[in-house]
Amino acid sequence: MALVLPLDQPREKLPFDTPWLGLHVSLSLVAYAAFAVAGITGIMYLVQEHQLKSRKLYPLFHRLPPIENLDVINYRLLLSGLALLTVGMIFGYLVGAVGAKKFRRKCSCPFCSGVSMLRCWPRG
């Protein structure tokens, strides 16, 4: 394996290799996880509401938290997910802005945007 992969050779630093990238990715993943849990609590809310309106309480009803608690939990999860995703998008913009500045210095073509950006991407 070591003969096939050139692991001992130094790699060229990619334009988007910044410390903000890890923060952007982790904040976005935590935000998506909050949205996923909010979706699960929403389903629990709907199941419980359906059982209450139909006046048929199945054994699952007694295992679910109270409907008021589910409403508060869902609201807090959606609010925190939105805040985390907003901050993650801001850090993603910073990653793109810093990477674009590094990329423009390395590229030789006059208009580095869109498709021409991919053409001039440094190959390792």
PDB file of N, CA and C in Angstrom:
ATOM      1  N   MET A   1       0.824  -1.178   0.000  1.00  0.00           N
ATOM      2  CA  MET A   1       0.000   0.000   0.000  1.00  0.00           C
ATOM      3  C   MET A   1       0.874   1.250   0.000  1.00  0.00           C
ATOM      4  N   ALA A   2       1.957   1.229   0.757  1.00  0.00           N
ATOM      5  CA  ALA A   2       2.827   2.396   0.824  1.00  0.00           C
ATOM      6  C   ALA A   2       3.535   2.645  -0.502  1.00  0.00           C
ATOM      7  N   LEU A   3       3.699   1.600  -1.304  1.00  0.00           N
ATOM      8  CA  LEU A   3       4.347   1.774  -2.599  1.00  0.00           C
ATOM      9  C   LEU A   3       3.400   2.422  -3.611  1.00  0.00           C
ATOM     10  N   VAL A   4       2.124   2.246  -3.434  1.00  0.00           N
ATOM     11  CA  VAL A   4       1.152   2.773  -4.384  1.00  0.00           C
ATOM     12  C   VAL A   4       0.818   4.231  -4.087  1.00  0.00           C
ATOM     13  N   LEU A   5       0.587   4.553  -2.819  1.00  0.00           N
ATOM     14  CA  LEU A   5       0.188   5.902  -2.447  1.00  0.00           C
ATOM     15  C   LEU A   5       1.402   6.734  -2.035  1.00  0.00           C
ATOM     16  N   PRO A   6       1.579   7.897  -2.599  1.00  0.00           N
ATOM     17  CA  PRO A   6       2.717   8.749  -2.225  1.00  0.00           C
ATOM     18  C   PRO A   6       2.408   9.525  -0.933  1.00  0.00           C
ATOM     19  N   LEU A   7       2.438   8.829   0.204  1.00  0.00           N
ATOM     20  CA  LEU A   7       2.064   9.459   1.465  1.00  0.00           C
ATOM     21  C   LEU A   7       3.184  10.318   2.053  1.00  0.00           C
ATOM     22  N   ASP A   8       4.429  10.058   1.661  1.00  0.00           N
ATOM     23  CA  ASP A   8       5.532  10.816   2.237  1.00  0.00           C
ATOM     24  C   ASP A   8       5.806  12.123   1.509  1.00  0.00           C
ATOM     25  N   GLN A   9       5.171  12.343   0.369  1.00  0.00           N
ATOM     26  CA  GLN A   9       5.387  13.573  -0.372  1.00  0.00           C
ATOM     27  C   GLN A   9       4.462  14.664   0.157  1.00  0.00           C
ATOM     28  N   PRO A  10       4.975  15.885   0.306  1.00  0.00           N
ATOM     29  CA  PRO A  10       4.103  16.965   0.796  1.00  0.00           C
ATOM     30  C   PRO A  10       3.068  17.333  -0.253  1.00  0.00           C
ATOM     31  N   ARG A  11       1.842  17.540   0.210  1.00  0.00           N
ATOM     32  CA  ARG A  11       0.756  17.901  -0.696  1.00  0.00           C
ATOM     33  C   ARG A  11       0.650  19.415  -0.785  1.00  0.00           C
ATOM     34  N   GLU A  12       0.151  19.870  -1.919  1.00  0.00           N
ATOM     35  CA  GLU A  12      -0.112  21.295  -2.080  1.00  0.00           C
ATOM     36  C   GLU A  12      -1.361  21.642  -1.279  1.00  0.00           C
ATOM     37  N   LYS A  13      -1.324  22.746  -0.567  1.00  0.00           N
ATOM     38  CA  LYS A  13      -2.454  23.149   0.259  1.00  0.00           C
ATOM     39  C   LYS A  13      -3.605  23.601  -0.643  1.00  0.00           C
ATOM     40  N   LEU A  14      -4.779  23.048  -0.386  1.00  0.00           N
ATOM     41  CA  LEU A  14      -5.947  23.391  -1.189  1.00  0.00           C
ATOM     42  C   LEU A  14      -6.456  24.775  -0.816  1.00  0.00           C
ATOM     43  N   PRO A  15      -7.126  25.449  -1.734  1.00  0.00           N
ATOM     44  CA  PRO A  15      -7.593  26.806  -1.463  1.00  0.00           C
ATOM     45  C   PRO A  15      -8.609  26.884  -0.322  1.00  0.00           C
ATOM     46  N   PHE A  16      -9.411  25.841  -0.141  1.00  0.00           N
ATOM     47  CA  PHE A  16     -10.450  25.889   0.874  1.00  0.00           C
ATOM     48  C   PHE A  16     -10.024  25.221   2.174  1.00  0.00           C
ATOM     49  N   ASP A  17      -8.743  25.031   2.380  1.00  0.00           N
ATOM     50  CA  ASP A  17      -8.232  24.402   3.596  1.00  0.00           C
ATOM     51  C   ASP A  17      -7.998  25.482   4.647  1.00  0.00           C
ATOM     52  N   THR A  18      -9.045  25.836   5.377  1.00  0.00           N
ATOM     53  CA  THR A  18      -8.977  26.871   6.401  1.00  0.00           C
ATOM     54  C   THR A  18      -9.489  26.304   7.713  1.00  0.00           C
ATOM     55  N   PRO A  19      -9.175  26.954   8.831  1.00  0.00           N
ATOM     56  CA  PRO A  19      -9.712  26.463  10.103  1.00  0.00           C
ATOM     57  C   PRO A  19     -11.227  26.640  10.224  1.00  0.00           C
ATOM     58  N   TRP A  20     -11.819  27.501   9.404  1.00  0.00           N
ATOM     59  CA  TRP A  20     -13.259  27.723   9.463  1.00  0.00           C
ATOM     60  C   TRP A  20     -14.034  26.548   8.861  1.00  0.00           C
ATOM     61  N   LEU A  21     -13.373  25.727   8.069  1.00  0.00           N
ATOM     62  CA  LEU A  21     -14.072  24.630   7.396  1.00  0.00           C
ATOM     63  C   LEU A  21     -14.612  23.610   8.395  1.00  0.00           C
ATOM     64  N   GLY A  22     -13.813  23.257   9.385  1.00  0.00           N
ATOM     65  CA  GLY A  22     -14.273  22.306  10.400  1.00  0.00           C
ATOM     66  C   GLY A  22     -15.435  22.844  11.204  1.00  0.00           C
ATOM     67  N   LEU A  23     -15.382  24.127  11.525  1.00  0.00           N
ATOM     68  CA  LEU A  23     -16.473  24.751  12.262  1.00  0.00           C
ATOM     69  C   LEU A  23     -17.748  24.806  11.415  1.00  0.00           C
ATOM     70  N   HIS A  24     -17.595  25.109  10.149  1.00  0.00           N
ATOM     71  CA  HIS A  24     -18.738  25.151   9.236  1.00  0.00           C
ATOM     72  C   HIS A  24     -19.401  23.774   9.138  1.00  0.00           C
ATOM     73  N   VAL A  25     -18.602  22.742   8.963  1.00  0.00           N
ATOM     74  CA  VAL A  25     -19.143  21.392   8.798  1.00  0.00           C
ATOM     75  C   VAL A  25     -19.797  20.915  10.088  1.00  0.00           C
ATOM     76  N   SER A  26     -19.136  21.121  11.225  1.00  0.00           N
ATOM     77  CA  SER A  26     -19.687  20.616  12.480  1.00  0.00           C
ATOM     78  C   SER A  26     -20.963  21.356  12.873  1.00  0.00           C
ATOM     79  N   LEU A  27     -21.004  22.663  12.695  1.00  0.00           N
ATOM     80  CA  LEU A  27     -22.229  23.403  13.012  1.00  0.00           C
ATOM     81  C   LEU A  27     -23.385  22.987  12.104  1.00  0.00           C
ATOM     82  N   SER A  28     -23.090  22.773  10.841  1.00  0.00           N
ATOM     83  CA  SER A  28     -24.148  22.356   9.917  1.00  0.00           C
ATOM     84  C   SER A  28     -24.667  20.965  10.259  1.00  0.00           C
ATOM     85  N   LEU A  29     -23.773  20.046  10.625  1.00  0.00           N
ATOM     86  CA  LEU A  29     -24.211  18.700  10.983  1.00  0.00           C
ATOM     87  C   LEU A  29     -25.048  18.698  12.259  1.00  0.00           C
ATOM     88  N   VAL A  30     -24.646  19.485  13.251  1.00  0.00           N
ATOM     89  CA  VAL A  30     -25.427  19.565  14.485  1.00  0.00           C
ATOM     90  C   VAL A  30     -26.791  20.196  14.203  1.00  0.00           C
ATOM     91  N   ALA A  31     -26.834  21.181  13.315  1.00  0.00           N
ATOM     92  CA  ALA A  31     -28.113  21.801  12.948  1.00  0.00           C
ATOM     93  C   ALA A  31     -29.026  20.792  12.264  1.00  0.00           C
ATOM     94  N   TYR A  32     -28.482  20.003  11.338  1.00  0.00           N
ATOM     95  CA  TYR A  32     -29.294  18.990  10.667  1.00  0.00           C
ATOM     96  C   TYR A  32     -29.755  17.916  11.644  1.00  0.00           C
ATOM     97  N   ALA A  33     -28.925  17.583  12.625  1.00  0.00           N
ATOM     98  CA  ALA A  33     -29.339  16.621  13.649  1.00  0.00           C
ATOM     99  C   ALA A  33     -30.487  17.188  14.484  1.00  0.00           C
ATOM    100  N   ALA A  34     -30.422  18.479  14.805  1.00  0.00           N
ATOM    101  CA  ALA A  34     -31.519  19.107  15.550  1.00  0.00           C
ATOM    102  C   ALA A  34     -32.801  19.087  14.727  1.00  0.00           C
ATOM    103  N   PHE A  35     -32.703  19.316  13.425  1.00  0.00           N
ATOM    104  CA  PHE A  35     -33.885  19.252  12.569  1.00  0.00           C
ATOM    105  C   PHE A  35     -34.440  17.827  12.496  1.00  0.00           C
ATOM    106  N   ALA A  36     -33.558  16.837  12.480  1.00  0.00           N
ATOM    107  CA  ALA A  36     -34.012  15.440  12.433  1.00  0.00           C
ATOM    108  C   ALA A  36     -34.741  15.067  13.716  1.00  0.00           C
ATOM    109  N   VAL A  37     -34.198  15.472  14.869  1.00  0.00           N
ATOM    110  CA  VAL A  37     -34.868  15.183  16.137  1.00  0.00           C
ATOM    111  C   VAL A  37     -36.176  15.955  16.231  1.00  0.00           C
ATOM    112  N   ALA A  38     -36.209  17.167  15.688  1.00  0.00           N
ATOM    113  CA  ALA A  38     -37.456  17.936  15.659  1.00  0.00           C
ATOM    114  C   ALA A  38     -38.499  17.229  14.801  1.00  0.00           C
ATOM    115  N   GLY A  39     -38.079  16.617  13.727  1.00  0.00           N
ATOM    116  CA  GLY A  39     -39.007  15.846  12.899  1.00  0.00           C
ATOM    117  C   GLY A  39     -39.571  14.651  13.646  1.00  0.00           C
ATOM    118  N   ILE A  40     -38.722  13.984  14.420  1.00  0.00           N
ATOM    119  CA  ILE A  40     -39.181  12.837  15.214  1.00  0.00           C
ATOM    120  C   ILE A  40     -40.163  13.288  16.292  1.00  0.00           C
ATOM    121  N   THR A  41     -39.860  14.400  16.964  1.00  0.00           N
ATOM    122  CA  THR A  41     -40.795  14.889  17.983  1.00  0.00           C
ATOM    123  C   THR A  41     -42.103  15.376  17.343  1.00  0.00           C
ATOM    124  N   GLY A  42     -42.024  15.876  16.124  1.00  0.00           N
ATOM    125  CA  GLY A  42     -43.241  16.265  15.414  1.00  0.00           C
ATOM    126  C   GLY A  42     -44.124  15.063  15.108  1.00  0.00           C
ATOM    127  N   ILE A  43     -43.499  13.961  14.723  1.00  0.00           N
ATOM    128  CA  ILE A  43     -44.264  12.736  14.476  1.00  0.00           C
ATOM    129  C   ILE A  43     -44.888  12.232  15.775  1.00  0.00           C
ATOM    130  N   MET A  44     -44.141  12.296  16.865  1.00  0.00           N
ATOM    131  CA  MET A  44     -44.681  11.892  18.163  1.00  0.00           C
ATOM    132  C   MET A  44     -45.866  12.778  18.551  1.00  0.00           C
ATOM    133  N   TYR A  45     -45.758  14.054  18.286  1.00  0.00           N
ATOM    134  CA  TYR A  45     -46.844  14.994  18.569  1.00  0.00           C
ATOM    135  C   TYR A  45     -48.089  14.640  17.764  1.00  0.00           C
ATOM    136  N   LEU A  46     -47.901  14.367  16.476  1.00  0.00           N
ATOM    137  CA  LEU A  46     -49.045  14.040  15.620  1.00  0.00           C
ATOM    138  C   LEU A  46     -49.706  12.734  16.024  1.00  0.00           C
ATOM    139  N   VAL A  47     -48.895  11.741  16.405  1.00  0.00           N
ATOM    140  CA  VAL A  47     -49.457  10.465  16.847  1.00  0.00           C
ATOM    141  C   VAL A  47     -50.280  10.673  18.108  1.00  0.00           C
ATOM    142  N   GLN A  48     -49.738  11.418  19.043  1.00  0.00           N
ATOM    143  CA  GLN A  48     -50.448  11.645  20.293  1.00  0.00           C
ATOM    144  C   GLN A  48     -51.715  12.483  20.081  1.00  0.00           C
ATOM    145  N   GLU A  49     -51.633  13.479  19.224  1.00  0.00           N
ATOM    146  CA  GLU A  49     -52.807  14.300  18.946  1.00  0.00           C
ATOM    147  C   GLU A  49     -53.913  13.477  18.272  1.00  0.00           C
ATOM    148  N   HIS A  50     -53.513  12.594  17.366  1.00  0.00           N
ATOM    149  CA  HIS A  50     -54.488  11.741  16.698  1.00  0.00           C
ATOM    150  C   HIS A  50     -55.179  10.814  17.706  1.00  0.00           C
ATOM    151  N   GLN A  51     -54.405  10.266  18.624  1.00  0.00           N
ATOM    152  CA  GLN A  51     -54.996   9.377  19.624  1.00  0.00           C
ATOM    153  C   GLN A  51     -55.927  10.140  20.561  1.00  0.00           C
ATOM    154  N   LEU A  52     -55.578  11.356  20.896  1.00  0.00           N
ATOM    155  CA  LEU A  52     -56.444  12.151  21.765  1.00  0.00           C
ATOM    156  C   LEU A  52     -57.746  12.535  21.068  1.00  0.00           C
ATOM    157  N   LYS A  53     -57.662  12.911  19.792  1.00  0.00           N
ATOM    158  CA  LYS A  53     -58.866  13.330  19.065  1.00  0.00           C
ATOM    159  C   LYS A  53     -59.777  12.148  18.757  1.00  0.00           C
ATOM    160  N   SER A  54     -59.197  10.995  18.506  1.00  0.00           N
ATOM    161  CA  SER A  54     -60.021   9.813  18.214  1.00  0.00           C
ATOM    162  C   SER A  54     -60.509   9.130  19.490  1.00  0.00           C
ATOM    163  N   ARG A  55     -60.024   9.553  20.627  1.00  0.00           N
ATOM    164  CA  ARG A  55     -60.385   9.009  21.944  1.00  0.00           C
ATOM    165  C   ARG A  55     -60.102   7.523  22.060  1.00  0.00           C
ATOM    166  N   LYS A  56     -59.080   7.083  21.339  1.00  0.00           N
ATOM    167  CA  LYS A  56     -58.607   5.702  21.443  1.00  0.00           C
ATOM    168  C   LYS A  56     -57.148   5.768  21.887  1.00  0.00           C
ATOM    169  N   LEU A  57     -56.894   5.445  23.132  1.00  0.00           N
ATOM    170  CA  LEU A  57     -55.541   5.535  23.669  1.00  0.00           C
ATOM    171  C   LEU A  57     -54.885   4.160  23.611  1.00  0.00           C
ATOM    172  N   TYR A  58     -53.909   4.043  22.740  1.00  0.00           N
ATOM    173  CA  TYR A  58     -53.161   2.804  22.606  1.00  0.00           C
ATOM    174  C   TYR A  58     -52.024   2.795  23.633  1.00  0.00           C
ATOM    175  N   PRO A  59     -51.373   1.663  23.849  1.00  0.00           N
ATOM    176  CA  PRO A  59     -50.282   1.615  24.843  1.00  0.00           C
ATOM    177  C   PRO A  59     -49.137   2.585  24.538  1.00  0.00           C
ATOM    178  N   LEU A  60     -48.980   2.939  23.270  1.00  0.00           N
ATOM    179  CA  LEU A  60     -47.928   3.897  22.908  1.00  0.00           C
ATOM    180  C   LEU A  60     -48.188   5.267  23.532  1.00  0.00           C
ATOM    181  N   PHE A  61     -49.443   5.603  23.737  1.00  0.00           N
ATOM    182  CA  PHE A  61     -49.803   6.907  24.289  1.00  0.00           C
ATOM    183  C   PHE A  61     -49.179   7.125  25.665  1.00  0.00           C
ATOM    184  N   HIS A  62     -49.132   6.089  26.462  1.00  0.00           N
ATOM    185  CA  HIS A  62     -48.618   6.220  27.829  1.00  0.00           C
ATOM    186  C   HIS A  62     -47.092   6.293  27.867  1.00  0.00           C
ATOM    187  N   ARG A  63     -46.452   5.929  26.782  1.00  0.00           N
ATOM    188  CA  ARG A  63     -44.986   6.001  26.735  1.00  0.00           C
ATOM    189  C   ARG A  63     -44.477   7.344  26.216  1.00  0.00           C
ATOM    190  N   LEU A  64     -45.340   8.100  25.566  1.00  0.00           N
ATOM    191  CA  LEU A  64     -44.930   9.391  25.007  1.00  0.00           C
ATOM    192  C   LEU A  64     -44.982  10.476  26.084  1.00  0.00           C
ATOM    193  N   PRO A  65     -44.116  11.492  25.956  1.00  0.00           N
ATOM    194  CA  PRO A  65     -44.200  12.619  26.895  1.00  0.00           C
ATOM    195  C   PRO A  65     -45.489  13.405  26.674  1.00  0.00           C
ATOM    196  N   PRO A  66     -45.865  14.250  27.629  1.00  0.00           N
ATOM    197  CA  PRO A  66     -47.085  15.058  27.451  1.00  0.00           C
ATOM    198  C   PRO A  66     -46.987  15.923  26.188  1.00  0.00           C
ATOM    199  N   ILE A  67     -48.142  16.180  25.609  1.00  0.00           N
ATOM    200  CA  ILE A  67     -48.199  16.885  24.325  1.00  0.00           C
ATOM    201  C   ILE A  67     -47.670  18.313  24.450  1.00  0.00           C
ATOM    202  N   GLU A  68     -47.844  18.945  25.600  1.00  0.00           N
ATOM    203  CA  GLU A  68     -47.304  20.297  25.807  1.00  0.00           C
ATOM    204  C   GLU A  68     -45.782  20.283  25.808  1.00  0.00           C
ATOM    205  N   ASN A  69     -45.212  19.256  26.439  1.00  0.00           N
ATOM    206  CA  ASN A  69     -43.746  19.133  26.451  1.00  0.00           C
ATOM    207  C   ASN A  69     -43.197  18.906  25.039  1.00  0.00           C
ATOM    208  N   LEU A  70     -43.898  18.091  24.253  1.00  0.00           N
ATOM    209  CA  LEU A  70     -43.458  17.854  22.876  1.00  0.00           C
ATOM    210  C   LEU A  70     -43.485  19.138  22.063  1.00  0.00           C
ATOM    211  N   ASP A  71     -44.480  19.964  22.297  1.00  0.00           N
ATOM    212  CA  ASP A  71     -44.578  21.232  21.588  1.00  0.00           C
ATOM    213  C   ASP A  71     -43.408  22.144  21.949  1.00  0.00           C
ATOM    214  N   VAL A  72     -43.076  22.229  23.238  1.00  0.00           N
ATOM    215  CA  VAL A  72     -41.963  23.077  23.677  1.00  0.00           C
ATOM    216  C   VAL A  72     -40.633  22.533  23.163  1.00  0.00           C
ATOM    217  N   ILE A  73     -40.464  21.221  23.239  1.00  0.00           N
ATOM    218  CA  ILE A  73     -39.217  20.600  22.760  1.00  0.00           C
ATOM    219  C   ILE A  73     -39.039  20.839  21.263  1.00  0.00           C
ATOM    220  N   ASN A  74     -40.113  20.662  20.502  1.00  0.00           N
ATOM    221  CA  ASN A  74     -40.041  20.860  19.053  1.00  0.00           C
ATOM    222  C   ASN A  74     -39.704  22.302  18.715  1.00  0.00           C
ATOM    223  N   TYR A  75     -40.311  23.247  19.410  1.00  0.00           N
ATOM    224  CA  TYR A  75     -40.026  24.664  19.177  1.00  0.00           C
ATOM    225  C   TYR A  75     -38.557  24.977  19.461  1.00  0.00           C
ATOM    226  N   ARG A  76     -38.051  24.488  20.587  1.00  0.00           N
ATOM    227  CA  ARG A  76     -36.645  24.752  20.935  1.00  0.00           C
ATOM    228  C   ARG A  76     -35.677  24.093  19.963  1.00  0.00           C
ATOM    229  N   LEU A  77     -36.001  22.881  19.519  1.00  0.00           N
ATOM    230  CA  LEU A  77     -35.136  22.215  18.547  1.00  0.00           C
ATOM    231  C   LEU A  77     -35.110  22.953  17.218  1.00  0.00           C
ATOM    232  N   LEU A  78     -36.259  23.402  16.756  1.00  0.00           N
ATOM    233  CA  LEU A  78     -36.298  24.144  15.497  1.00  0.00           C
ATOM    234  C   LEU A  78     -35.562  25.476  15.607  1.00  0.00           C
ATOM    235  N   LEU A  79     -35.727  26.147  16.736  1.00  0.00           N
ATOM    236  CA  LEU A  79     -35.049  27.421  16.928  1.00  0.00           C
ATOM    237  C   LEU A  79     -33.533  27.245  17.005  1.00  0.00           C
ATOM    238  N   SER A  80     -33.087  26.245  17.761  1.00  0.00           N
ATOM    239  CA  SER A  80     -31.640  26.021  17.855  1.00  0.00           C
ATOM    240  C   SER A  80     -31.068  25.523  16.532  1.00  0.00           C
ATOM    241  N   GLY A  81     -31.810  24.681  15.812  1.00  0.00           N
ATOM    242  CA  GLY A  81     -31.344  24.228  14.497  1.00  0.00           C
ATOM    243  C   GLY A  81     -31.211  25.368  13.516  1.00  0.00           C
ATOM    244  N   LEU A  82     -32.173  26.291  13.544  1.00  0.00           N
ATOM    245  CA  LEU A  82     -32.100  27.452  12.657  1.00  0.00           C
ATOM    246  C   LEU A  82     -30.917  28.340  13.010  1.00  0.00           C
ATOM    247  N   ALA A  83     -30.693  28.559  14.305  1.00  0.00           N
ATOM    248  CA  ALA A  83     -29.559  29.394  14.717  1.00  0.00           C
ATOM    249  C   ALA A  83     -28.229  28.746  14.334  1.00  0.00           C
ATOM    250  N   LEU A  84     -28.106  27.439  14.586  1.00  0.00           N
ATOM    251  CA  LEU A  84     -26.850  26.750  14.250  1.00  0.00           C
ATOM    252  C   LEU A  84     -26.612  26.715  12.750  1.00  0.00           C
ATOM    253  N   LEU A  85     -27.665  26.497  11.981  1.00  0.00           N
ATOM    254  CA  LEU A  85     -27.496  26.467  10.528  1.00  0.00           C
ATOM    255  C   LEU A  85     -27.142  27.847   9.989  1.00  0.00           C
ATOM    256  N   THR A  86     -27.708  28.894  10.580  1.00  0.00           N
ATOM    257  CA  THR A  86     -27.370  30.254  10.148  1.00  0.00           C
ATOM    258  C   THR A  86     -25.902  30.557  10.414  1.00  0.00           C
ATOM    259  N   VAL A  87     -25.433  30.218  11.616  1.00  0.00           N
ATOM    260  CA  VAL A  87     -24.019  30.450  11.944  1.00  0.00           C
ATOM    261  C   VAL A  87     -23.124  29.572  11.062  1.00  0.00           C
ATOM    262  N   GLY A  88     -23.545  28.331  10.816  1.00  0.00           N
ATOM    263  CA  GLY A  88     -22.776  27.453   9.924  1.00  0.00           C
ATOM    264  C   GLY A  88     -22.693  27.991   8.513  1.00  0.00           C
ATOM    265  N   MET A  89     -23.773  28.594   8.027  1.00  0.00           N
ATOM    266  CA  MET A  89     -23.747  29.191   6.689  1.00  0.00           C
ATOM    267  C   MET A  89     -22.822  30.406   6.647  1.00  0.00           C
ATOM    268  N   ILE A  90     -22.789  31.165   7.732  1.00  0.00           N
ATOM    269  CA  ILE A  90     -21.872  32.314   7.788  1.00  0.00           C
ATOM    270  C   ILE A  90     -20.436  31.831   7.727  1.00  0.00           C
ATOM    271  N   PHE A  91     -20.128  30.783   8.491  1.00  0.00           N
ATOM    272  CA  PHE A  91     -18.769  30.245   8.427  1.00  0.00           C
ATOM    273  C   PHE A  91     -18.478  29.621   7.072  1.00  0.00           C
ATOM    274  N   GLY A  92     -19.491  29.057   6.422  1.00  0.00           N
ATOM    275  CA  GLY A  92     -19.301  28.547   5.061  1.00  0.00           C
ATOM    276  C   GLY A  92     -18.984  29.661   4.086  1.00  0.00           C
ATOM    277  N   TYR A  93     -19.619  30.803   4.280  1.00  0.00           N
ATOM    278  CA  TYR A  93     -19.299  31.958   3.439  1.00  0.00           C
ATOM    279  C   TYR A  93     -17.856  32.394   3.674  1.00  0.00           C
ATOM    280  N   LEU A  94     -17.431  32.388   4.937  1.00  0.00           N
ATOM    281  CA  LEU A  94     -16.039  32.754   5.232  1.00  0.00           C
ATOM    282  C   LEU A  94     -15.061  31.781   4.585  1.00  0.00           C
ATOM    283  N   VAL A  95     -15.399  30.493   4.622  1.00  0.00           N
ATOM    284  CA  VAL A  95     -14.539  29.487   3.976  1.00  0.00           C
ATOM    285  C   VAL A  95     -14.450  29.772   2.481  1.00  0.00           C
ATOM    286  N   GLY A  96     -15.582  30.079   1.865  1.00  0.00           N
ATOM    287  CA  GLY A  96     -15.582  30.371   0.429  1.00  0.00           C
ATOM    288  C   GLY A  96     -14.839  31.642   0.087  1.00  0.00           C
ATOM    289  N   ALA A  97     -14.990  32.672   0.930  1.00  0.00           N
ATOM    290  CA  ALA A  97     -14.316  33.941   0.654  1.00  0.00           C
ATOM    291  C   ALA A  97     -12.810  33.804   0.804  1.00  0.00           C
ATOM    292  N   VAL A  98     -12.376  33.123   1.857  1.00  0.00           N
ATOM    293  CA  VAL A  98     -10.932  32.930   2.066  1.00  0.00           C
ATOM    294  C   VAL A  98     -10.359  32.034   0.976  1.00  0.00           C
ATOM    295  N   GLY A  99     -11.094  30.977   0.625  1.00  0.00           N
ATOM    296  CA  GLY A  99     -10.624  30.077  -0.430  1.00  0.00           C
ATOM    297  C   GLY A  99     -10.567  30.757  -1.775  1.00  0.00           C
ATOM    298  N   ALA A 100     -11.519  31.630  -2.058  1.00  0.00           N
ATOM    299  CA  ALA A 100     -11.521  32.335  -3.342  1.00  0.00           C
ATOM    300  C   ALA A 100     -10.344  33.298  -3.436  1.00  0.00           C
ATOM    301  N   LYS A 101      -9.990  33.935  -2.325  1.00  0.00           N
ATOM    302  CA  LYS A 101      -8.832  34.839  -2.345  1.00  0.00           C
ATOM    303  C   LYS A 101      -7.554  34.058  -2.595  1.00  0.00           C
ATOM    304  N   LYS A 102      -7.406  32.903  -1.934  1.00  0.00           N
ATOM    305  CA  LYS A 102      -6.208  32.088  -2.164  1.00  0.00           C
ATOM    306  C   LYS A 102      -6.187  31.551  -3.590  1.00  0.00           C
ATOM    307  N   PHE A 103      -7.363  31.206  -4.099  1.00  0.00           N
ATOM    308  CA  PHE A 103      -7.438  30.629  -5.433  1.00  0.00           C
ATOM    309  C   PHE A 103      -7.088  31.648  -6.498  1.00  0.00           C
ATOM    310  N   ARG A 104      -7.548  32.876  -6.354  1.00  0.00           N
ATOM    311  CA  ARG A 104      -7.280  33.898  -7.366  1.00  0.00           C
ATOM    312  C   ARG A 104      -5.801  34.193  -7.483  1.00  0.00           C
ATOM    313  N   ARG A 105      -5.082  34.092  -6.377  1.00  0.00           N
ATOM    314  CA  ARG A 105      -3.640  34.363  -6.437  1.00  0.00           C
ATOM    315  C   ARG A 105      -2.899  33.267  -7.182  1.00  0.00           C
ATOM    316  N   LYS A 106      -3.406  32.029  -7.113  1.00  0.00           N
ATOM    317  CA  LYS A 106      -2.702  30.917  -7.741  1.00  0.00           C
ATOM    318  C   LYS A 106      -3.095  30.716  -9.200  1.00  0.00           C
ATOM    319  N   CYS A 107      -4.231  31.210  -9.585  1.00  0.00           N
ATOM    320  CA  CYS A 107      -4.744  30.938 -10.924  1.00  0.00           C
ATOM    321  C   CYS A 107      -4.190  31.953 -11.931  1.00  0.00           C
ATOM    322  N   SER A 108      -3.964  31.499 -13.162  1.00  0.00           N
ATOM    323  CA  SER A 108      -3.389  32.384 -14.173  1.00  0.00           C
ATOM    324  C   SER A 108      -4.431  32.919 -15.160  1.00  0.00           C
ATOM    325  N   CYS A 109      -5.632  32.362 -15.192  1.00  0.00           N
ATOM    326  CA  CYS A 109      -6.622  32.840 -16.153  1.00  0.00           C
ATOM    327  C   CYS A 109      -7.295  34.120 -15.646  1.00  0.00           C
ATOM    328  N   PRO A 110      -7.726  35.009 -16.537  1.00  0.00           N
ATOM    329  CA  PRO A 110      -8.239  36.308 -16.102  1.00  0.00           C
ATOM    330  C   PRO A 110      -9.600  36.250 -15.405  1.00  0.00           C
ATOM    331  N   PHE A 111     -10.473  35.356 -15.796  1.00  0.00           N
ATOM    332  CA  PHE A 111     -11.808  35.287 -15.204  1.00  0.00           C
ATOM    333  C   PHE A 111     -11.991  33.941 -14.515  1.00  0.00           C
ATOM    334  N   CYS A 112     -11.729  33.932 -13.201  1.00  0.00           N
ATOM    335  CA  CYS A 112     -11.824  32.685 -12.428  1.00  0.00           C
ATOM    336  C   CYS A 112     -13.175  32.606 -11.735  1.00  0.00           C
ATOM    337  N   SER A 113     -14.170  32.220 -12.471  1.00  0.00           N
ATOM    338  CA  SER A 113     -15.477  32.020 -11.863  1.00  0.00           C
ATOM    339  C   SER A 113     -16.194  30.928 -12.626  1.00  0.00           C
ATOM    340  N   GLY A 114     -17.100  30.253 -11.938  1.00  0.00           N
ATOM    341  CA  GLY A 114     -17.913  29.231 -12.584  1.00  0.00           C
ATOM    342  C   GLY A 114     -17.103  28.067 -13.096  1.00  0.00           C
ATOM    343  N   VAL A 115     -17.248  27.774 -14.385  1.00  0.00           N
ATOM    344  CA  VAL A 115     -16.612  26.605 -14.983  1.00  0.00           C
ATOM    345  C   VAL A 115     -15.109  26.794 -15.106  1.00  0.00           C
ATOM    346  N   SER A 116     -14.656  28.015 -15.367  1.00  0.00           N
ATOM    347  CA  SER A 116     -13.221  28.227 -15.507  1.00  0.00           C
ATOM    348  C   SER A 116     -12.500  28.018 -14.181  1.00  0.00           C
ATOM    349  N   MET A 117     -13.213  28.152 -13.069  1.00  0.00           N
ATOM    350  CA  MET A 117     -12.620  27.897 -11.761  1.00  0.00           C
ATOM    351  C   MET A 117     -12.258  26.418 -11.635  1.00  0.00           C
ATOM    352  N   LEU A 118     -13.122  25.553 -12.125  1.00  0.00           N
ATOM    353  CA  LEU A 118     -12.842  24.122 -12.069  1.00  0.00           C
ATOM    354  C   LEU A 118     -11.687  23.738 -12.991  1.00  0.00           C
ATOM    355  N   ARG A 119     -11.579  24.417 -14.098  1.00  0.00           N
ATOM    356  CA  ARG A 119     -10.518  24.121 -15.046  1.00  0.00           C
ATOM    357  C   ARG A 119      -9.143  24.461 -14.475  1.00  0.00           C
ATOM    358  N   CYS A 120      -9.070  25.520 -13.654  1.00  0.00           N
ATOM    359  CA  CYS A 120      -7.796  25.972 -13.111  1.00  0.00           C
ATOM    360  C   CYS A 120      -7.506  25.405 -11.721  1.00  0.00           C
ATOM    361  N   TRP A 121      -8.359  24.526 -11.216  1.00  0.00           N
ATOM    362  CA  TRP A 121      -8.192  23.975  -9.881  1.00  0.00           C
ATOM    363  C   TRP A 121      -6.838  23.253  -9.785  1.00  0.00           C
ATOM    364  N   PRO A 122      -6.066  23.510  -8.717  1.00  0.00           N
ATOM    365  CA  PRO A 122      -4.759  22.851  -8.603  1.00  0.00           C
ATOM    366  C   PRO A 122      -4.901  21.357  -8.448  1.00  0.00           C
ATOM    367  N   ARG A 123      -4.180  20.627  -9.232  1.00  0.00           N
ATOM    368  CA  ARG A 123      -4.241  19.169  -9.180  1.00  0.00           C
ATOM    369  C   ARG A 123      -3.050  18.653  -8.402  1.00  0.00           C
ATOM    370  N   GLY A 124      -3.350  17.699  -7.515  1.00  0.00           N
ATOM    371  CA  GLY A 124      -2.306  17.166  -6.638  1.00  0.00           C
ATOM    372  C   GLY A 124      -1.836  15.900  -7.134  1.00  0.00           C
TER     373      GLY A 124
END
